[in-house]
């Protein structure tokens, strides 16, 4: 049975509800949604914070890493006292303090094919990881379970976003055919802290719009951000481009 907003919750999310694109139906869609955030670093902490604060009813955090001091400038959900704690545990504590109505679940093992049941239970998945192999596994599981995927990446002063909805758009594997994505980390290339937070928050916005059924989502498009030139651009995938997953559908 879907949950309905209480009077207290309706007041809390009033600024959302007065938006005609959201209204009560949209806010209740968030309340009844399950979002999975894979990777709770810079992107994931920004995304999870916005999802939790905005009223998403259930969030699962997946990460096996611990908080390090070098994370603190950009992974703004964590505090100095969280250093050496598991990211998902520290993140869950702070998210519950932000919104006690949000159910927070944590998974502390590296992401792989064994997580298919979690992906199948989700209404949207946010890929906030930083390596190609993991992204490919996430994309395959989302495709196989027909789960919408919002992918984000950020490095140096640059960021990118991609939304894939099985049955409605091509998948992240199709995008990967266009680029030889370098497997660089922030340790090697650097990252300007505000950029990763901008992209992570944008992932949350796209995920919430997916959950509320917005009809103007940027499907089959790569969105890029250049923090030095202060430019956003949209790149449409070429017609006829499909990966092995989409071509076999």
Protein backbone atom coordinates (compact mmCIF):
# COMPACT_ATOMS: atom_id res chain seq x y z
CA UNK A 1 0.00 0.00 0.00
CA UNK A 2 1.58 3.33 -1.04
CA UNK A 3 2.25 5.79 1.75
CA UNK A 4 0.52 9.15 1.92
CA UNK A 5 2.09 12.34 3.20
CA UNK A 6 1.23 13.28 6.76
CA UNK A 7 0.22 16.86 7.52
CA UNK A 8 3.65 17.44 9.03
CA UNK A 9 5.38 16.14 5.91
CA UNK A 10 3.13 18.20 3.65
CA UNK A 11 4.18 21.31 5.53
CA UNK A 12 7.82 20.30 5.44
CA UNK A 13 7.84 19.86 1.67
CA UNK A 14 5.48 22.75 0.96
CA UNK A 15 7.96 24.53 -1.33
CA UNK A 16 8.02 21.44 -3.53
CA UNK A 17 4.29 20.85 -3.43
CA UNK A 18 3.39 24.36 -4.58
CA UNK A 19 5.31 23.70 -7.80
CA UNK A 20 2.71 22.54 -10.35
CA UNK A 21 5.26 20.11 -11.85
CA UNK A 22 5.54 18.38 -8.45
CA UNK A 23 2.29 18.85 -6.49
CA UNK A 24 1.20 16.27 -3.90
CA UNK A 25 1.43 13.40 -6.36
CA UNK A 26 5.06 14.10 -7.13
CA UNK A 27 6.05 14.45 -3.48
CA UNK A 28 4.28 11.22 -2.62
CA UNK A 29 6.11 9.54 -5.50
CA UNK A 30 9.36 10.54 -3.78
CA UNK A 31 8.05 9.32 -0.42
CA UNK A 32 7.35 5.86 -1.86
CA UNK A 33 10.58 5.62 -3.87
CA UNK A 34 13.75 3.62 -3.30
CA UNK A 35 16.95 5.21 -4.60
CA UNK A 36 20.24 3.31 -4.64
CA UNK A 37 23.43 5.38 -4.48
CA UNK A 38 26.51 3.43 -5.53
CA UNK A 39 29.70 5.13 -4.39
CA UNK A 40 29.46 7.50 -1.43
CA UNK A 41 32.31 9.85 -2.28
CA UNK A 42 31.97 13.39 -3.60
CA UNK A 43 29.17 12.64 -6.06
CA UNK A 44 27.37 10.21 -3.78
CA UNK A 45 27.37 12.38 -0.68
CA UNK A 46 26.02 15.37 -2.59
CA UNK A 47 23.37 13.25 -4.29
CA UNK A 48 22.32 11.38 -1.16
CA UNK A 49 22.04 14.59 0.86
CA UNK A 50 19.73 16.16 -1.70
CA UNK A 51 17.62 13.00 -2.10
CA UNK A 52 17.22 12.62 1.66
CA UNK A 53 16.44 16.28 2.31
CA UNK A 54 13.94 16.31 -0.57
CA UNK A 55 11.84 13.48 0.86
CA UNK A 56 12.87 10.28 -0.92
CA UNK A 57 11.49 7.55 1.34
CA UNK A 58 14.26 4.94 1.10
CA UNK A 59 17.93 5.26 0.18
CA UNK A 60 20.49 2.46 -0.02
CA UNK A 61 24.15 3.48 0.19
CA UNK A 62 26.71 1.09 -1.33
CA UNK A 63 30.41 1.60 -0.64
CA UNK A 64 33.23 -0.38 1.03
CA UNK A 65 35.61 2.55 1.62
CA UNK A 66 36.43 4.51 4.76
CA UNK A 67 36.50 8.27 5.28
CA UNK A 68 39.94 9.83 4.89
CA UNK A 69 41.02 13.35 5.74
CA UNK A 70 41.64 14.09 2.06
CA UNK A 71 37.95 13.36 1.37
CA UNK A 72 36.65 16.19 3.56
CA UNK A 73 37.04 19.14 1.14
CA UNK A 74 34.62 17.65 -1.40
CA UNK A 75 32.67 14.90 0.43
CA UNK A 76 30.71 17.38 2.47
CA UNK A 77 28.41 14.94 4.24
CA UNK A 78 31.32 13.83 6.43
CA UNK A 79 32.85 15.56 9.45
CA UNK A 80 36.35 15.46 10.92
CA UNK A 81 35.18 12.96 13.53
CA UNK A 82 34.19 10.55 10.74
CA UNK A 83 37.77 9.94 9.59
CA UNK A 84 38.54 6.19 9.61
CA UNK A 85 34.83 5.29 9.81
CA UNK A 86 33.05 3.46 7.02
CA UNK A 87 31.60 5.97 4.60
CA UNK A 88 28.20 4.30 4.50
CA UNK A 89 27.96 4.21 8.30
CA UNK A 90 28.97 7.84 8.76
CA UNK A 91 26.76 8.87 5.87
CA UNK A 92 23.75 7.00 7.24
CA UNK A 93 24.15 8.68 10.62
CA UNK A 94 24.19 12.17 9.13
CA UNK A 95 21.35 11.48 6.69
CA UNK A 96 19.12 10.14 9.47
CA UNK A 97 19.83 13.30 11.46
CA UNK A 98 18.85 15.35 8.40
CA UNK A 99 15.56 13.51 7.81
CA UNK A 100 14.31 10.92 10.29
CA UNK A 101 11.49 9.92 7.90
CA UNK A 102 13.99 8.58 5.35
CA UNK A 103 14.91 4.89 5.65
CA UNK A 104 18.66 4.51 5.13
CA UNK A 105 20.17 1.11 4.31
CA UNK A 106 23.89 0.40 3.89
CA UNK A 107 25.93 -2.16 1.97
CA UNK A 108 29.62 -2.42 2.80
CA UNK A 109 30.94 -4.83 0.18
CA UNK A 110 32.34 -3.89 -3.26
CA UNK A 111 29.67 -3.64 -5.93
CA UNK A 112 29.38 -6.61 -8.30
CA UNK A 113 26.79 -8.85 -9.97
CA UNK A 114 25.66 -10.17 -6.59
CA UNK A 115 23.85 -6.87 -6.00
CA UNK A 116 21.23 -7.57 -8.66
CA UNK A 117 18.40 -8.01 -6.12
CA UNK A 118 19.13 -4.56 -4.66
CA UNK A 119 19.09 -3.01 -8.12
CA UNK A 120 15.85 -4.82 -8.99
CA UNK A 121 14.19 -3.39 -5.87
CA UNK A 122 15.20 0.18 -6.71
CA UNK A 123 13.13 2.76 -8.55
CA UNK A 124 16.29 4.58 -9.64
CA UNK A 125 20.04 3.95 -9.38
CA UNK A 126 22.65 6.68 -9.12
CA UNK A 127 26.09 5.64 -10.37
CA UNK A 128 28.53 7.77 -8.37
CA UNK A 129 31.53 5.49 -8.84
CA UNK A 130 34.89 6.39 -10.31
CA UNK A 131 35.99 3.38 -12.35
CA UNK A 132 34.95 1.99 -15.71
CA UNK A 133 34.60 -1.66 -14.69
CA UNK A 134 32.09 -0.86 -11.96
CA UNK A 135 30.13 1.43 -14.28
CA UNK A 136 29.79 -1.36 -16.82
CA UNK A 137 28.45 -3.79 -14.19
CA UNK A 138 25.98 -1.19 -12.92
CA UNK A 139 24.77 -0.48 -16.44
CA UNK A 140 24.28 -4.19 -17.19
CA UNK A 141 22.34 -4.83 -13.99
CA UNK A 142 20.13 -1.77 -14.52
CA UNK A 143 19.45 -2.87 -18.10
CA UNK A 144 18.64 -6.45 -17.04
CA UNK A 145 16.33 -5.34 -14.23
CA UNK A 146 14.76 -2.47 -16.22
CA UNK A 147 15.85 0.04 -13.57
CA UNK A 148 16.45 3.71 -14.50
CA UNK A 149 20.08 4.82 -14.16
CA UNK A 150 21.52 8.28 -13.58
CA UNK A 151 25.27 8.30 -14.13
CA UNK A 152 27.60 11.09 -13.06
CA UNK A 153 31.34 11.71 -13.26
CA UNK A 154 33.64 14.57 -12.29
CA UNK A 155 37.36 15.19 -12.57
CA UNK A 156 39.54 18.31 -12.58
CA UNK A 157 37.07 21.14 -13.44
CA UNK A 158 34.82 18.96 -15.62
CA UNK A 159 31.68 16.93 -15.06
CA UNK A 160 29.24 14.83 -17.05
CA UNK A 161 25.78 13.31 -16.61
CA UNK A 162 23.79 10.67 -18.46
CA UNK A 163 20.28 9.30 -17.90
CA UNK A 164 19.28 5.85 -19.14
CA UNK A 165 15.76 4.46 -18.85
CA UNK A 166 15.44 0.88 -20.18
CA UNK A 167 12.77 0.66 -22.86
CA UNK A 168 12.83 4.42 -23.43
CA UNK A 169 16.46 5.25 -24.18
CA UNK A 170 19.81 3.78 -24.99
CA UNK A 171 22.00 2.71 -22.12
CA UNK A 172 25.32 3.86 -20.71
CA UNK A 173 27.06 1.17 -22.76
CA UNK A 174 25.99 2.98 -25.94
CA UNK A 175 27.59 6.17 -24.66
CA UNK A 176 30.79 4.26 -23.83
CA UNK A 177 31.11 3.24 -27.49
CA UNK A 178 31.78 6.89 -28.32
CA UNK A 179 34.55 7.48 -25.80
CA UNK A 180 37.61 5.69 -24.52
CA UNK A 181 36.99 6.75 -20.95
CA UNK A 182 40.32 7.14 -19.11
CA UNK A 183 40.37 5.28 -15.82
CA UNK A 184 41.86 8.23 -13.93
CA UNK A 185 41.17 8.90 -10.28
CA UNK A 186 40.90 12.21 -8.47
CA UNK A 187 44.19 11.33 -6.77
CA UNK A 188 45.93 11.28 -10.16
CA UNK A 189 44.15 14.12 -11.94
CA UNK A 190 42.73 16.27 -9.14
CA UNK A 191 39.20 17.57 -8.63
CA UNK A 192 37.87 21.04 -7.83
CA UNK A 193 35.55 20.49 -4.88
CA UNK A 194 32.52 22.54 -6.01
CA UNK A 195 32.41 20.73 -9.36
CA UNK A 196 31.83 17.30 -7.83
CA UNK A 197 29.09 18.72 -5.62
CA UNK A 198 27.43 20.42 -8.59
CA UNK A 199 27.35 17.16 -10.56
CA UNK A 200 26.20 15.07 -7.59
CA UNK A 201 23.36 17.47 -6.82
CA UNK A 202 22.39 17.48 -10.50
CA UNK A 203 22.27 13.66 -10.37
CA UNK A 204 19.82 13.92 -7.49
CA UNK A 205 17.66 16.38 -9.44
CA UNK A 206 17.55 14.08 -12.47
CA UNK A 207 16.81 11.06 -10.27
CA UNK A 208 13.90 12.84 -8.59
CA UNK A 209 12.53 13.89 -11.97
CA UNK A 210 12.74 10.26 -13.08
CA UNK A 211 10.84 9.20 -9.96
CA UNK A 212 8.14 11.83 -10.51
CA UNK A 213 7.73 10.93 -14.18
CA UNK A 214 8.89 14.17 -15.78
CA UNK A 215 8.45 13.98 -19.56
CA UNK A 216 11.35 16.25 -20.56
CA UNK A 217 14.28 14.20 -19.30
CA UNK A 218 17.50 14.48 -21.37
CA UNK A 219 17.41 10.93 -22.73
CA UNK A 220 20.05 9.83 -25.25
CA UNK A 221 22.09 12.89 -24.35
CA UNK A 222 25.41 13.43 -22.61
CA UNK A 223 25.38 16.57 -20.47
CA UNK A 224 28.80 18.09 -19.84
CA UNK A 225 29.93 20.87 -17.52
CA UNK A 226 33.12 22.92 -17.83
CA UNK A 227 33.88 24.75 -14.60
CA UNK A 228 36.63 26.84 -16.14
CA UNK A 229 34.57 28.12 -19.06
CA UNK A 230 31.33 28.05 -17.04
CA UNK A 231 29.57 26.16 -19.82
CA UNK A 232 26.93 23.44 -19.94
CA UNK A 233 26.53 21.49 -23.18
CA UNK A 234 24.22 18.72 -24.42
CA UNK A 235 25.55 16.10 -26.86
CA UNK A 236 22.96 13.87 -28.57
CA UNK A 237 23.92 10.26 -29.25
CA UNK A 238 24.09 9.56 -33.00
CA UNK A 239 21.18 7.73 -34.60
CA UNK A 240 21.71 4.01 -34.96
CA UNK A 241 24.33 3.79 -32.19
CA UNK A 242 23.68 0.79 -29.94
CA UNK A 243 25.80 -1.40 -27.72
CA UNK A 244 25.60 -5.18 -27.36
CA UNK A 245 22.97 -4.86 -24.63
CA UNK A 246 20.62 -2.57 -26.53
CA UNK A 247 21.07 -4.35 -29.86
CA UNK A 248 20.03 -7.65 -28.25
CA UNK A 249 16.90 -6.16 -26.65
